[in-house]
Amino acid sequence: MILSVSRRTDIPACYADWFFRRLQEGYVYVANPFNPRHISRIMLNPSVVDAIVFWTKNPIPMLSYLDQLSDYPALFQFTLTPYTQDLETRLPDKETHLIPAFRYLANLFGPEHLIWRYDPIIFTETYTPERHLSVFSHYAAALTGCTSRVIISFIDFYQKTQRNMQGTRLLQISQDQYLSFAASLRACAQAHGMYIQTCAEEMDLLPAGIPHGACIDPEHLEQILHTSLHLPQDKGQRKACLCAESIDIGAYNTCINGCRYCYANTSASAILKNRDTYDPNSSILCRKITEQDKIFDRKMESLQDTQYKLF
């Protein structure tokens, strides 16, 4: 199985101590987001966890635990955007903290284990296409040799996103402007040795040379693991998502990064309520197991072939 840590919350930034305690214990409980009383027990044995995919804007709190990943192949989806505290209210400085953290991980695990996410792209009076291109170019230069893949997407305005971004003055961009902008990103990425693709993006950017892609890409994982994998497409994601199936162990309404465009948080009060129940020693994230909960053992198995490939 592929373990997703996590699309629902930034576990490396906010709950690294909890996650690595769960890794030591060898199991984790995860509530079904649509039926919270249904709890899955997920075993974390290296014999069934083919890879761990970390999604994060700030991996710094987990850096001291990385020696515990020696038995687990790891892939990092590292989001690095141009936004400052107007849109990302609680993230460390990009230049002094996050870019060095990206380089550190690439040096430790290898650039093939790092994916740079430049998403979501939001056009505002502050973050114009010109500013995006300038910052993207700067980051691409700073990350040259640290990754070979960059993923982009444009913001989707879910109801909670619209509410959280009230007061932000958005720019209206034409289709031709989108394509011109995307073509410039592609040229910049290519100049720095990076393949660029979209993530769950319904807009067709192929005319600009950017294909649709998968964040959890079976081909990429096979190259990292040096083996063949039986990975079906994940039917639980958005329609445009091409990712392989994974098991997510996070919980919504728990991330404290403070990104105003976030789709995973309903409100600040919901986050505070869940944070009040946080216990790094708990078997489940930001809640308690009660007598009303029904616990099921999730069937876990490795998806690797025993016959290794040569790359």
C-alpha atoms as a PDB file:
ATOM      1  CA  MET A   1       0.000   0.000   0.000  1.00  0.00           C
ATOM      2  CA  ILE A   2       0.932   3.642  -0.403  1.00  0.00           C
ATOM      3  CA  LEU A   3       0.531   5.651   2.816  1.00  0.00           C
ATOM      4  CA  SER A   4      -0.567   9.265   2.321  1.00  0.00           C
ATOM      5  CA  VAL A   5       0.644  11.617   5.083  1.00  0.00           C
ATOM      6  CA  SER A   6      -1.529  13.617   4.323  1.00  0.00           C
ATOM      7  CA  ARG A   7      -3.763  15.425   1.858  1.00  0.00           C
ATOM      8  CA  ARG A   8      -6.124  16.354   4.717  1.00  0.00           C
ATOM      9  CA  THR A   9      -3.642  18.140   6.958  1.00  0.00           C
ATOM     10  CA  ASP A  10       0.063  18.980   7.089  1.00  0.00           C
ATOM     11  CA  ILE A  11       1.237  16.170   9.370  1.00  0.00           C
ATOM     12  CA  PRO A  12       4.993  16.867   8.914  1.00  0.00           C
ATOM     13  CA  ALA A  13       4.472  20.515   9.958  1.00  0.00           C
ATOM     14  CA  CYS A  14       1.863  20.081  12.687  1.00  0.00           C
ATOM     15  CA  TYR A  15       1.923  16.494  13.976  1.00  0.00           C
ATOM     16  CA  ALA A  16       5.352  15.001  13.325  1.00  0.00           C
ATOM     17  CA  ASP A  17       5.672  13.758  16.907  1.00  0.00           C
ATOM     18  CA  TRP A  18       2.314  11.962  16.651  1.00  0.00           C
ATOM     19  CA  PHE A  19       3.119  10.364  13.289  1.00  0.00           C
ATOM     20  CA  PHE A  20       6.485   8.965  14.292  1.00  0.00           C
ATOM     21  CA  ARG A  21       4.988   7.627  17.515  1.00  0.00           C
ATOM     22  CA  ARG A  22       2.440   5.782  15.378  1.00  0.00           C
ATOM     23  CA  LEU A  23       5.260   4.437  13.209  1.00  0.00           C
ATOM     24  CA  GLN A  24       6.989   3.112  16.330  1.00  0.00           C
ATOM     25  CA  GLU A  25       3.750   1.530  17.585  1.00  0.00           C
ATOM     26  CA  GLY A  26       3.144  -0.043  14.178  1.00  0.00           C
ATOM     27  CA  TYR A  27      -0.474   0.977  13.620  1.00  0.00           C
ATOM     28  CA  VAL A  28      -2.773   3.994  13.382  1.00  0.00           C
ATOM     29  CA  TYR A  29      -6.523   4.586  13.673  1.00  0.00           C
ATOM     30  CA  VAL A  30      -8.194   6.715  10.998  1.00  0.00           C
ATOM     31  CA  ALA A  31     -11.779   7.967  11.032  1.00  0.00           C
ATOM     32  CA  ASN A  32     -13.813   7.886   7.836  1.00  0.00           C
ATOM     33  CA  PRO A  33     -14.346  11.608   7.034  1.00  0.00           C
ATOM     34  CA  PHE A  34     -17.901  10.881   5.838  1.00  0.00           C
ATOM     35  CA  ASN A  35     -18.779   8.551   8.719  1.00  0.00           C
ATOM     36  CA  PRO A  36     -16.583   9.531  11.688  1.00  0.00           C
ATOM     37  CA  ARG A  37     -17.809   6.672  13.882  1.00  0.00           C
ATOM     38  CA  HIS A  38     -16.265   4.175  11.477  1.00  0.00           C
ATOM     39  CA  ILE A  39     -12.599   3.814  12.411  1.00  0.00           C
ATOM     40  CA  SER A  40     -10.037   1.880  10.390  1.00  0.00           C
ATOM     41  CA  ARG A  41      -7.066   0.244  12.061  1.00  0.00           C
ATOM     42  CA  ILE A  42      -4.165   0.513   9.619  1.00  0.00           C
ATOM     43  CA  MET A  43      -1.016  -1.503  10.150  1.00  0.00           C
ATOM     44  CA  LEU A  44       2.225   0.337   9.420  1.00  0.00           C
ATOM     45  CA  ASN A  45       4.570  -2.603   9.051  1.00  0.00           C
ATOM     46  CA  PRO A  46       7.284  -2.052   6.389  1.00  0.00           C
ATOM     47  CA  SER A  47       6.254  -5.353   4.809  1.00  0.00           C
ATOM     48  CA  VAL A  48       2.921  -3.813   3.711  1.00  0.00           C
ATOM     49  CA  VAL A  49       3.832  -0.112   3.372  1.00  0.00           C
ATOM     50  CA  ASP A  50       5.406   0.162  -0.070  1.00  0.00           C
ATOM     51  CA  ALA A  51       6.062   3.902   0.257  1.00  0.00           C
ATOM     52  CA  ILE A  52       5.082   6.886   2.372  1.00  0.00           C
ATOM     53  CA  VAL A  53       4.043  10.038   0.520  1.00  0.00           C
ATOM     54  CA  PHE A  54       4.451  13.152   2.672  1.00  0.00           C
ATOM     55  CA  TRP A  55       2.495  16.279   1.693  1.00  0.00           C
ATOM     56  CA  THR A  56       3.842  19.392   3.364  1.00  0.00           C
ATOM     57  CA  LYS A  57       4.510  23.106   3.226  1.00  0.00           C
ATOM     58  CA  ASN A  58       6.929  22.886   6.130  1.00  0.00           C
ATOM     59  CA  PRO A  59       8.845  19.660   6.874  1.00  0.00           C
ATOM     60  CA  ILE A  60      11.173  21.280   9.416  1.00  0.00           C
ATOM     61  CA  PRO A  61       9.442  19.811  12.528  1.00  0.00           C
ATOM     62  CA  MET A  62       9.950  16.271  11.181  1.00  0.00           C
ATOM     63  CA  LEU A  63      13.638  16.589  10.289  1.00  0.00           C
ATOM     64  CA  SER A  64      14.872  15.262  13.632  1.00  0.00           C
ATOM     65  CA  TYR A  65      12.815  12.056  13.149  1.00  0.00           C
ATOM     66  CA  LEU A  66      14.028  11.106   9.668  1.00  0.00           C
ATOM     67  CA  ASP A  67      16.269   8.288  10.879  1.00  0.00           C
ATOM     68  CA  GLN A  68      13.054   6.389  11.682  1.00  0.00           C
ATOM     69  CA  LEU A  69      12.262   6.183   7.954  1.00  0.00           C
ATOM     70  CA  SER A  70      15.156   3.847   7.179  1.00  0.00           C
ATOM     71  CA  ASP A  71      12.768   0.932   6.474  1.00  0.00           C
ATOM     72  CA  TYR A  72      10.248   3.003   4.487  1.00  0.00           C
ATOM     73  CA  PRO A  73      10.732   4.489   1.007  1.00  0.00           C
ATOM     74  CA  ALA A  74       9.632   8.134   1.227  1.00  0.00           C
ATOM     75  CA  LEU A  75       8.376  10.616  -1.351  1.00  0.00           C
ATOM     76  CA  PHE A  76       7.945  14.295  -0.457  1.00  0.00           C
ATOM     77  CA  GLN A  77       5.311  16.501  -2.079  1.00  0.00           C
ATOM     78  CA  PHE A  78       6.788  19.839  -1.001  1.00  0.00           C
ATOM     79  CA  THR A  79       4.650  22.915  -1.648  1.00  0.00           C
ATOM     80  CA  LEU A  80       6.632  26.085  -2.204  1.00  0.00           C
ATOM     81  CA  THR A  81       4.620  29.087  -3.387  1.00  0.00           C
ATOM     82  CA  PRO A  82       5.206  32.853  -3.680  1.00  0.00           C
ATOM     83  CA  TYR A  83       2.678  33.793  -1.008  1.00  0.00           C
ATOM     84  CA  THR A  84       3.638  35.611   2.173  1.00  0.00           C
ATOM     85  CA  GLN A  85       1.690  35.998   5.412  1.00  0.00           C
ATOM     86  CA  ASP A  86      -1.224  37.650   3.653  1.00  0.00           C
ATOM     87  CA  LEU A  87      -2.250  34.209   2.328  1.00  0.00           C
ATOM     88  CA  GLU A  88      -0.036  31.779   4.270  1.00  0.00           C
ATOM     89  CA  THR A  89      -0.186  33.202   7.740  1.00  0.00           C
ATOM     90  CA  ARG A  90       1.954  30.792   9.782  1.00  0.00           C
ATOM     91  CA  LEU A  91       4.657  29.428   7.526  1.00  0.00           C
ATOM     92  CA  PRO A  92       8.384  30.034   8.072  1.00  0.00           C
ATOM     93  CA  ASP A  93      10.296  32.283   5.690  1.00  0.00           C
ATOM     94  CA  LYS A  94      10.827  30.654   2.298  1.00  0.00           C
ATOM     95  CA  GLU A  95      14.351  31.923   1.709  1.00  0.00           C
ATOM     96  CA  THR A  96      15.857  31.289   5.133  1.00  0.00           C
ATOM     97  CA  HIS A  97      13.963  28.141   6.167  1.00  0.00           C
ATOM     98  CA  LEU A  98      11.928  26.331   3.532  1.00  0.00           C
ATOM     99  CA  ILE A  99      14.260  26.375   0.533  1.00  0.00           C
ATOM    100  CA  PRO A 100      17.135  25.128   2.762  1.00  0.00           C
ATOM    101  CA  ALA A 101      14.795  22.405   4.095  1.00  0.00           C
ATOM    102  CA  PHE A 102      14.008  21.329   0.530  1.00  0.00           C
ATOM    103  CA  ARG A 103      17.711  21.130  -0.265  1.00  0.00           C
ATOM    104  CA  TYR A 104      18.373  19.185   2.928  1.00  0.00           C
ATOM    105  CA  LEU A 105      15.766  16.551   2.068  1.00  0.00           C
ATOM    106  CA  ALA A 106      17.016  16.267  -1.505  1.00  0.00           C
ATOM    107  CA  ASN A 107      20.570  15.746  -0.269  1.00  0.00           C
ATOM    108  CA  LEU A 108      19.430  13.125   2.263  1.00  0.00           C
ATOM    109  CA  PHE A 109      16.963  11.118   0.151  1.00  0.00           C
ATOM    110  CA  GLY A 110      17.924  12.034  -3.414  1.00  0.00           C
ATOM    111  CA  PRO A 111      16.241  14.493  -5.821  1.00  0.00           C
ATOM    112  CA  GLU A 112      13.997  11.775  -7.254  1.00  0.00           C
ATOM    113  CA  HIS A 113      12.246  11.627  -3.853  1.00  0.00           C
ATOM    114  CA  LEU A 114      11.341  15.330  -3.924  1.00  0.00           C
ATOM    115  CA  ILE A 115       8.479  16.842  -5.919  1.00  0.00           C
ATOM    116  CA  TRP A 116       8.082  20.603  -5.961  1.00  0.00           C
ATOM    117  CA  ARG A 117       4.453  21.709  -5.854  1.00  0.00           C
ATOM    118  CA  TYR A 118       3.825  25.242  -7.063  1.00  0.00           C
ATOM    119  CA  ASP A 119       0.133  25.232  -6.302  1.00  0.00           C
ATOM    120  CA  PRO A 120      -2.429  26.550  -6.071  1.00  0.00           C
ATOM    121  CA  ILE A 121      -1.687  29.415  -8.442  1.00  0.00           C
ATOM    122  CA  ILE A 122      -3.823  32.413  -7.476  1.00  0.00           C
ATOM    123  CA  PHE A 123      -3.895  35.610  -9.516  1.00  0.00           C
ATOM    124  CA  THR A 124      -4.549  38.727  -7.445  1.00  0.00           C
ATOM    125  CA  GLU A 125      -3.590  42.393  -7.607  1.00  0.00           C
ATOM    126  CA  THR A 126      -0.544  41.437  -5.534  1.00  0.00           C
ATOM    127  CA  TYR A 127       0.252  38.071  -7.136  1.00  0.00           C
ATOM    128  CA  THR A 128       0.119  38.992 -10.789  1.00  0.00           C
ATOM    129  CA  PRO A 129       1.252  36.653 -13.580  1.00  0.00           C
ATOM    130  CA  GLU A 130       4.473  38.663 -13.784  1.00  0.00           C
ATOM    131  CA  ARG A 131       5.180  38.225 -10.069  1.00  0.00           C
ATOM    132  CA  HIS A 132       4.429  34.505 -10.264  1.00  0.00           C
ATOM    133  CA  LEU A 133       6.850  34.097 -13.156  1.00  0.00           C
ATOM    134  CA  SER A 134       9.552  36.028 -11.324  1.00  0.00           C
ATOM    135  CA  VAL A 135       9.231  33.977  -8.125  1.00  0.00           C
ATOM    136  CA  PHE A 136       8.858  30.682  -9.993  1.00  0.00           C
ATOM    137  CA  SER A 137      12.082  31.433 -11.872  1.00  0.00           C
ATOM    138  CA  HIS A 138      13.879  32.270  -8.624  1.00  0.00           C
ATOM    139  CA  TYR A 139      12.692  29.089  -6.909  1.00  0.00           C
ATOM    140  CA  ALA A 140      13.509  26.943  -9.939  1.00  0.00           C
ATOM    141  CA  ALA A 141      17.073  28.260  -9.880  1.00  0.00           C
ATOM    142  CA  ALA A 142      17.319  27.675  -6.123  1.00  0.00           C
ATOM    143  CA  LEU A 143      16.045  24.078  -6.455  1.00  0.00           C
ATOM    144  CA  THR A 144      18.067  23.085  -9.510  1.00  0.00           C
ATOM    145  CA  GLY A 145      19.476  19.614  -8.912  1.00  0.00           C
ATOM    146  CA  CYS A 146      17.132  19.041  -5.946  1.00  0.00           C
ATOM    147  CA  THR A 147      14.160  17.792  -7.957  1.00  0.00           C
ATOM    148  CA  SER A 148      13.319  16.862 -11.529  1.00  0.00           C
ATOM    149  CA  ARG A 149       9.560  17.371 -11.268  1.00  0.00           C
ATOM    150  CA  VAL A 150       7.287  20.340 -10.580  1.00  0.00           C
ATOM    151  CA  ILE A 151       3.503  20.179 -10.288  1.00  0.00           C
ATOM    152  CA  ILE A 152       1.172  23.123 -10.825  1.00  0.00           C
ATOM    153  CA  SER A 153      -2.549  23.777 -10.534  1.00  0.00           C
ATOM    154  CA  PHE A 154      -4.816  26.801 -10.445  1.00  0.00           C
ATOM    155  CA  ILE A 155      -7.006  27.476  -7.442  1.00  0.00           C
ATOM    156  CA  ASP A 156     -10.453  25.877  -7.216  1.00  0.00           C
ATOM    157  CA  PHE A 157     -12.882  28.089  -5.364  1.00  0.00           C
ATOM    158  CA  TYR A 158     -14.725  25.746  -3.036  1.00  0.00           C
ATOM    159  CA  GLN A 159     -17.311  27.360  -0.770  1.00  0.00           C
ATOM    160  CA  LYS A 160     -14.971  27.368   2.243  1.00  0.00           C
ATOM    161  CA  THR A 161     -12.153  28.774   0.087  1.00  0.00           C
ATOM    162  CA  GLN A 162     -14.338  31.641  -1.107  1.00  0.00           C
ATOM    163  CA  ARG A 163     -15.325  32.426   2.472  1.00  0.00           C
ATOM    164  CA  ASN A 164     -11.758  32.348   3.766  1.00  0.00           C
ATOM    165  CA  MET A 165     -10.472  34.557   0.951  1.00  0.00           C
ATOM    166  CA  GLN A 166     -13.057  37.304   1.260  1.00  0.00           C
ATOM    167  CA  GLY A 167     -11.419  40.681   0.734  1.00  0.00           C
ATOM    168  CA  THR A 168      -8.729  39.367  -1.608  1.00  0.00           C
ATOM    169  CA  ARG A 169      -8.921  41.177  -4.943  1.00  0.00           C
ATOM    170  CA  LEU A 170      -8.651  38.557  -7.661  1.00  0.00           C
ATOM    171  CA  LEU A 171      -7.529  39.141 -11.236  1.00  0.00           C
ATOM    172  CA  GLN A 172      -9.548  37.853 -14.169  1.00  0.00           C
ATOM    173  CA  ILE A 173      -7.320  36.051 -16.649  1.00  0.00           C
ATOM    174  CA  SER A 174      -8.313  35.043 -20.186  1.00  0.00           C
ATOM    175  CA  GLN A 175      -7.725  31.581 -21.630  1.00  0.00           C
ATOM    176  CA  ASP A 176      -4.987  32.930 -23.880  1.00  0.00           C
ATOM    177  CA  GLN A 177      -3.294  34.550 -20.884  1.00  0.00           C
ATOM    178  CA  TYR A 178      -3.436  31.265 -18.975  1.00  0.00           C
ATOM    179  CA  LEU A 179      -1.788  29.442 -21.886  1.00  0.00           C
ATOM    180  CA  SER A 180       0.882  32.112 -22.323  1.00  0.00           C
ATOM    181  CA  PHE A 181       1.610  32.044 -18.591  1.00  0.00           C
ATOM    182  CA  ALA A 182       1.778  28.232 -18.554  1.00  0.00           C
ATOM    183  CA  ALA A 183       4.118  28.189 -21.548  1.00  0.00           C
ATOM    184  CA  SER A 184       6.479  30.546 -19.701  1.00  0.00           C
ATOM    185  CA  LEU A 185       6.432  28.259 -16.639  1.00  0.00           C
ATOM    186  CA  ARG A 186       7.235  25.274 -18.830  1.00  0.00           C
ATOM    187  CA  ALA A 187      10.151  27.042 -20.493  1.00  0.00           C
ATOM    188  CA  CYS A 188      11.553  28.043 -17.109  1.00  0.00           C
ATOM    189  CA  ALA A 189      11.128  24.559 -15.622  1.00  0.00           C
ATOM    190  CA  GLN A 190      12.750  22.973 -18.652  1.00  0.00           C
ATOM    191  CA  ALA A 191      15.708  25.363 -18.443  1.00  0.00           C
ATOM    192  CA  HIS A 192      16.332  24.103 -14.898  1.00  0.00           C
ATOM    193  CA  GLY A 193      16.025  20.413 -15.739  1.00  0.00           C
ATOM    194  CA  MET A 194      12.477  19.970 -14.418  1.00  0.00           C
ATOM    195  CA  TYR A 195       9.521  18.177 -15.956  1.00  0.00           C
ATOM    196  CA  ILE A 196       6.306  20.141 -15.359  1.00  0.00           C
ATOM    197  CA  GLN A 197       2.779  18.735 -15.144  1.00  0.00           C
ATOM    198  CA  THR A 198      -0.606  19.656 -13.713  1.00  0.00           C
ATOM    199  CA  CYS A 199      -2.397  18.207 -10.687  1.00  0.00           C
ATOM    200  CA  ALA A 200      -6.146  17.481 -10.802  1.00  0.00           C
ATOM    201  CA  GLU A 201      -6.441  20.393 -13.227  1.00  0.00           C
ATOM    202  CA  GLU A 202      -9.457  20.426 -15.535  1.00  0.00           C
ATOM    203  CA  MET A 203      -7.970  23.135 -17.747  1.00  0.00           C
ATOM    204  CA  ASP A 204      -6.132  21.703 -20.744  1.00  0.00           C
ATOM    205  CA  LEU A 205      -2.608  23.143 -20.761  1.00  0.00           C
ATOM    206  CA  LEU A 206      -1.270  20.744 -23.379  1.00  0.00           C
ATOM    207  CA  PRO A 207      -1.219  23.554 -25.976  1.00  0.00           C
ATOM    208  CA  ALA A 208       1.322  25.211 -23.648  1.00  0.00           C
ATOM    209  CA  GLY A 209       3.297  21.963 -23.450  1.00  0.00           C
ATOM    210  CA  ILE A 210       2.128  20.945 -19.961  1.00  0.00           C
ATOM    211  CA  PRO A 211       0.356  17.567 -19.681  1.00  0.00           C
ATOM    212  CA  HIS A 212      -2.028  16.332 -17.022  1.00  0.00           C
ATOM    213  CA  GLY A 213      -0.252  14.187 -14.470  1.00  0.00           C
ATOM    214  CA  ALA A 214      -0.496  12.242 -11.237  1.00  0.00           C
ATOM    215  CA  CYS A 215       1.060  13.357  -7.964  1.00  0.00           C
ATOM    216  CA  ILE A 216       1.194   9.751  -6.790  1.00  0.00           C
ATOM    217  CA  ASP A 217       2.470   8.435 -10.079  1.00  0.00           C
ATOM    218  CA  PRO A 218       2.901   4.652 -10.405  1.00  0.00           C
ATOM    219  CA  GLU A 219       5.713   5.033 -12.940  1.00  0.00           C
ATOM    220  CA  HIS A 220       7.625   7.410 -10.698  1.00  0.00           C
ATOM    221  CA  LEU A 221       7.157   5.134  -7.681  1.00  0.00           C
ATOM    222  CA  GLU A 222       8.347   2.122  -9.657  1.00  0.00           C
ATOM    223  CA  GLN A 223      11.524   4.005 -10.542  1.00  0.00           C
ATOM    224  CA  ILE A 224      12.121   4.855  -6.884  1.00  0.00           C
ATOM    225  CA  LEU A 225      11.353   1.336  -5.624  1.00  0.00           C
ATOM    226  CA  HIS A 226      12.997  -0.482  -8.566  1.00  0.00           C
ATOM    227  CA  THR A 227      10.076  -2.833  -8.808  1.00  0.00           C
ATOM    228  CA  SER A 228       6.745  -3.188 -10.550  1.00  0.00           C
ATOM    229  CA  LEU A 229       3.606  -2.114  -8.681  1.00  0.00           C
ATOM    230  CA  HIS A 230      -0.066  -3.003  -9.030  1.00  0.00           C
ATOM    231  CA  LEU A 231      -1.544   0.432  -8.303  1.00  0.00           C
ATOM    232  CA  PRO A 232      -5.134   1.139  -9.354  1.00  0.00           C
ATOM    233  CA  GLN A 233      -6.288   4.726  -9.822  1.00  0.00           C
ATOM    234  CA  ASP A 234      -7.656   6.363  -6.683  1.00  0.00           C
ATOM    235  CA  LYS A 235     -11.434   6.666  -7.143  1.00  0.00           C
ATOM    236  CA  GLY A 236     -11.822   8.661  -3.926  1.00  0.00           C
ATOM    237  CA  GLN A 237     -10.187  11.811  -5.315  1.00  0.00           C
ATOM    238  CA  ARG A 238     -11.499  14.615  -7.505  1.00  0.00           C
ATOM    239  CA  LYS A 239     -12.659  13.729 -11.012  1.00  0.00           C
ATOM    240  CA  ALA A 240      -9.575  15.198 -12.700  1.00  0.00           C
ATOM    241  CA  CYS A 241      -7.156  13.455 -10.318  1.00  0.00           C
ATOM    242  CA  LEU A 242      -4.997  10.753 -11.912  1.00  0.00           C
ATOM    243  CA  CYS A 243      -3.251   9.611  -8.724  1.00  0.00           C
ATOM    244  CA  ALA A 244      -2.725   6.001  -7.787  1.00  0.00           C
ATOM    245  CA  GLU A 245      -4.645   4.674  -4.817  1.00  0.00           C
ATOM    246  CA  SER A 246      -3.331   5.454  -1.351  1.00  0.00           C
ATOM    247  CA  ILE A 247      -4.505   5.354   2.252  1.00  0.00           C
ATOM    248  CA  ASP A 248      -4.656   8.739   3.942  1.00  0.00           C
ATOM    249  CA  ILE A 249      -4.183   8.891   7.709  1.00  0.00           C
ATOM    250  CA  GLY A 250      -4.946  12.593   8.245  1.00  0.00           C
ATOM    251  CA  ALA A 251      -8.023  14.446   9.483  1.00  0.00           C
ATOM    252  CA  TYR A 252      -9.734  17.545   8.147  1.00  0.00           C
ATOM    253  CA  ASN A 253      -9.944  20.733  10.238  1.00  0.00           C
ATOM    254  CA  THR A 254      -6.629  20.118  11.974  1.00  0.00           C
ATOM    255  CA  CYS A 255      -4.010  22.028   9.948  1.00  0.00           C
ATOM    256  CA  ILE A 256      -2.586  25.127  11.652  1.00  0.00           C
ATOM    257  CA  ASN A 257      -0.515  26.497   8.749  1.00  0.00           C
ATOM    258  CA  GLY A 258      -3.161  29.194   8.293  1.00  0.00           C
ATOM    259  CA  CYS A 259      -3.380  29.191   4.481  1.00  0.00           C
ATOM    260  CA  ARG A 260      -6.410  31.256   3.543  1.00  0.00           C
ATOM    261  CA  TYR A 261      -6.991  29.320   0.322  1.00  0.00           C
ATOM    262  CA  CYS A 262      -7.132  25.934   2.102  1.00  0.00           C
ATOM    263  CA  TYR A 263      -9.896  23.508   1.104  1.00  0.00           C
ATOM    264  CA  ALA A 264      -9.362  21.166   4.087  1.00  0.00           C
ATOM    265  CA  ASN A 265     -10.383  23.532   6.903  1.00  0.00           C
ATOM    266  CA  THR A 266     -13.912  24.747   7.525  1.00  0.00           C
ATOM    267  CA  SER A 267     -13.153  27.427  10.113  1.00  0.00           C
ATOM    268  CA  ALA A 268     -10.664  28.534  12.750  1.00  0.00           C
ATOM    269  CA  SER A 269     -13.081  27.436  15.486  1.00  0.00           C
ATOM    270  CA  ALA A 270     -13.257  23.899  14.050  1.00  0.00           C
ATOM    271  CA  ILE A 271      -9.455  23.700  14.051  1.00  0.00           C
ATOM    272  CA  LEU A 272      -9.219  24.931  17.646  1.00  0.00           C
ATOM    273  CA  LYS A 273     -11.847  22.427  18.764  1.00  0.00           C
ATOM    274  CA  ASN A 274      -9.921  19.546  17.221  1.00  0.00           C
ATOM    275  CA  ARG A 275      -6.562  20.808  18.463  1.00  0.00           C
ATOM    276  CA  ASP A 276      -7.924  20.750  22.017  1.00  0.00           C
ATOM    277  CA  THR A 277      -8.135  16.955  21.747  1.00  0.00           C
ATOM    278  CA  TYR A 278      -4.633  16.514  20.320  1.00  0.00           C
ATOM    279  CA  ASP A 279      -2.518  13.961  22.126  1.00  0.00           C
ATOM    280  CA  PRO A 280       0.797  12.917  20.515  1.00  0.00           C
ATOM    281  CA  ASN A 281       0.430   9.511  22.214  1.00  0.00           C
ATOM    282  CA  SER A 282      -3.071   8.873  20.853  1.00  0.00           C
ATOM    283  CA  SER A 283      -3.684   6.176  18.263  1.00  0.00           C
ATOM    284  CA  ILE A 284      -5.880   8.607  16.279  1.00  0.00           C
ATOM    285  CA  LEU A 285      -5.279  12.204  15.237  1.00  0.00           C
ATOM    286  CA  CYS A 286      -7.034  15.033  17.097  1.00  0.00           C
ATOM    287  CA  ARG A 287      -9.908  13.078  18.603  1.00  0.00           C
ATOM    288  CA  LYS A 288     -10.662  10.342  21.092  1.00  0.00           C
ATOM    289  CA  ILE A 289     -11.945   6.819  20.558  1.00  0.00           C
ATOM    290  CA  THR A 290     -15.341   6.344  22.224  1.00  0.00           C
ATOM    291  CA  GLU A 291     -17.689   3.428  22.879  1.00  0.00           C
ATOM    292  CA  GLN A 292     -19.824   4.571  19.945  1.00  0.00           C
ATOM    293  CA  ASP A 293     -16.979   4.067  17.492  1.00  0.00           C
ATOM    294  CA  LYS A 294     -16.792   0.906  15.396  1.00  0.00           C
ATOM    295  CA  ILE A 295     -13.230  -0.206  14.683  1.00  0.00           C
ATOM    296  CA  PHE A 296     -12.454  -2.239  11.569  1.00  0.00           C
ATOM    297  CA  ASP A 297      -9.164  -3.778  10.496  1.00  0.00           C
ATOM    298  CA  ARG A 298      -8.284  -2.473   7.052  1.00  0.00           C
ATOM    299  CA  LYS A 299      -6.915  -5.147   4.771  1.00  0.00           C
ATOM    300  CA  MET A 300      -3.288  -4.236   4.145  1.00  0.00           C
ATOM    301  CA  GLU A 301      -0.940  -5.766   1.609  1.00  0.00           C
ATOM    302  CA  SER A 302       2.098  -4.847  -0.411  1.00  0.00           C
ATOM    303  CA  LEU A 303       1.416  -3.964  -4.027  1.00  0.00           C
ATOM    304  CA  GLN A 304       4.899  -4.845  -5.252  1.00  0.00           C
ATOM    305  CA  ASP A 305       5.795  -7.588  -7.686  1.00  0.00           C
ATOM    306  CA  THR A 306       8.401 -10.006  -6.451  1.00  0.00           C
ATOM    307  CA  GLN A 307      10.069  -9.830  -9.888  1.00  0.00           C
ATOM    308  CA  TYR A 308      12.337  -6.761  -9.919  1.00  0.00           C
ATOM    309  CA  LYS A 309      12.778  -4.519 -12.917  1.00  0.00           C
ATOM    310  CA  LEU A 310      16.040  -3.098 -14.163  1.00  0.00           C
ATOM    311  CA  PHE A 311      16.009   0.623 -14.945  1.00  0.00           C
END
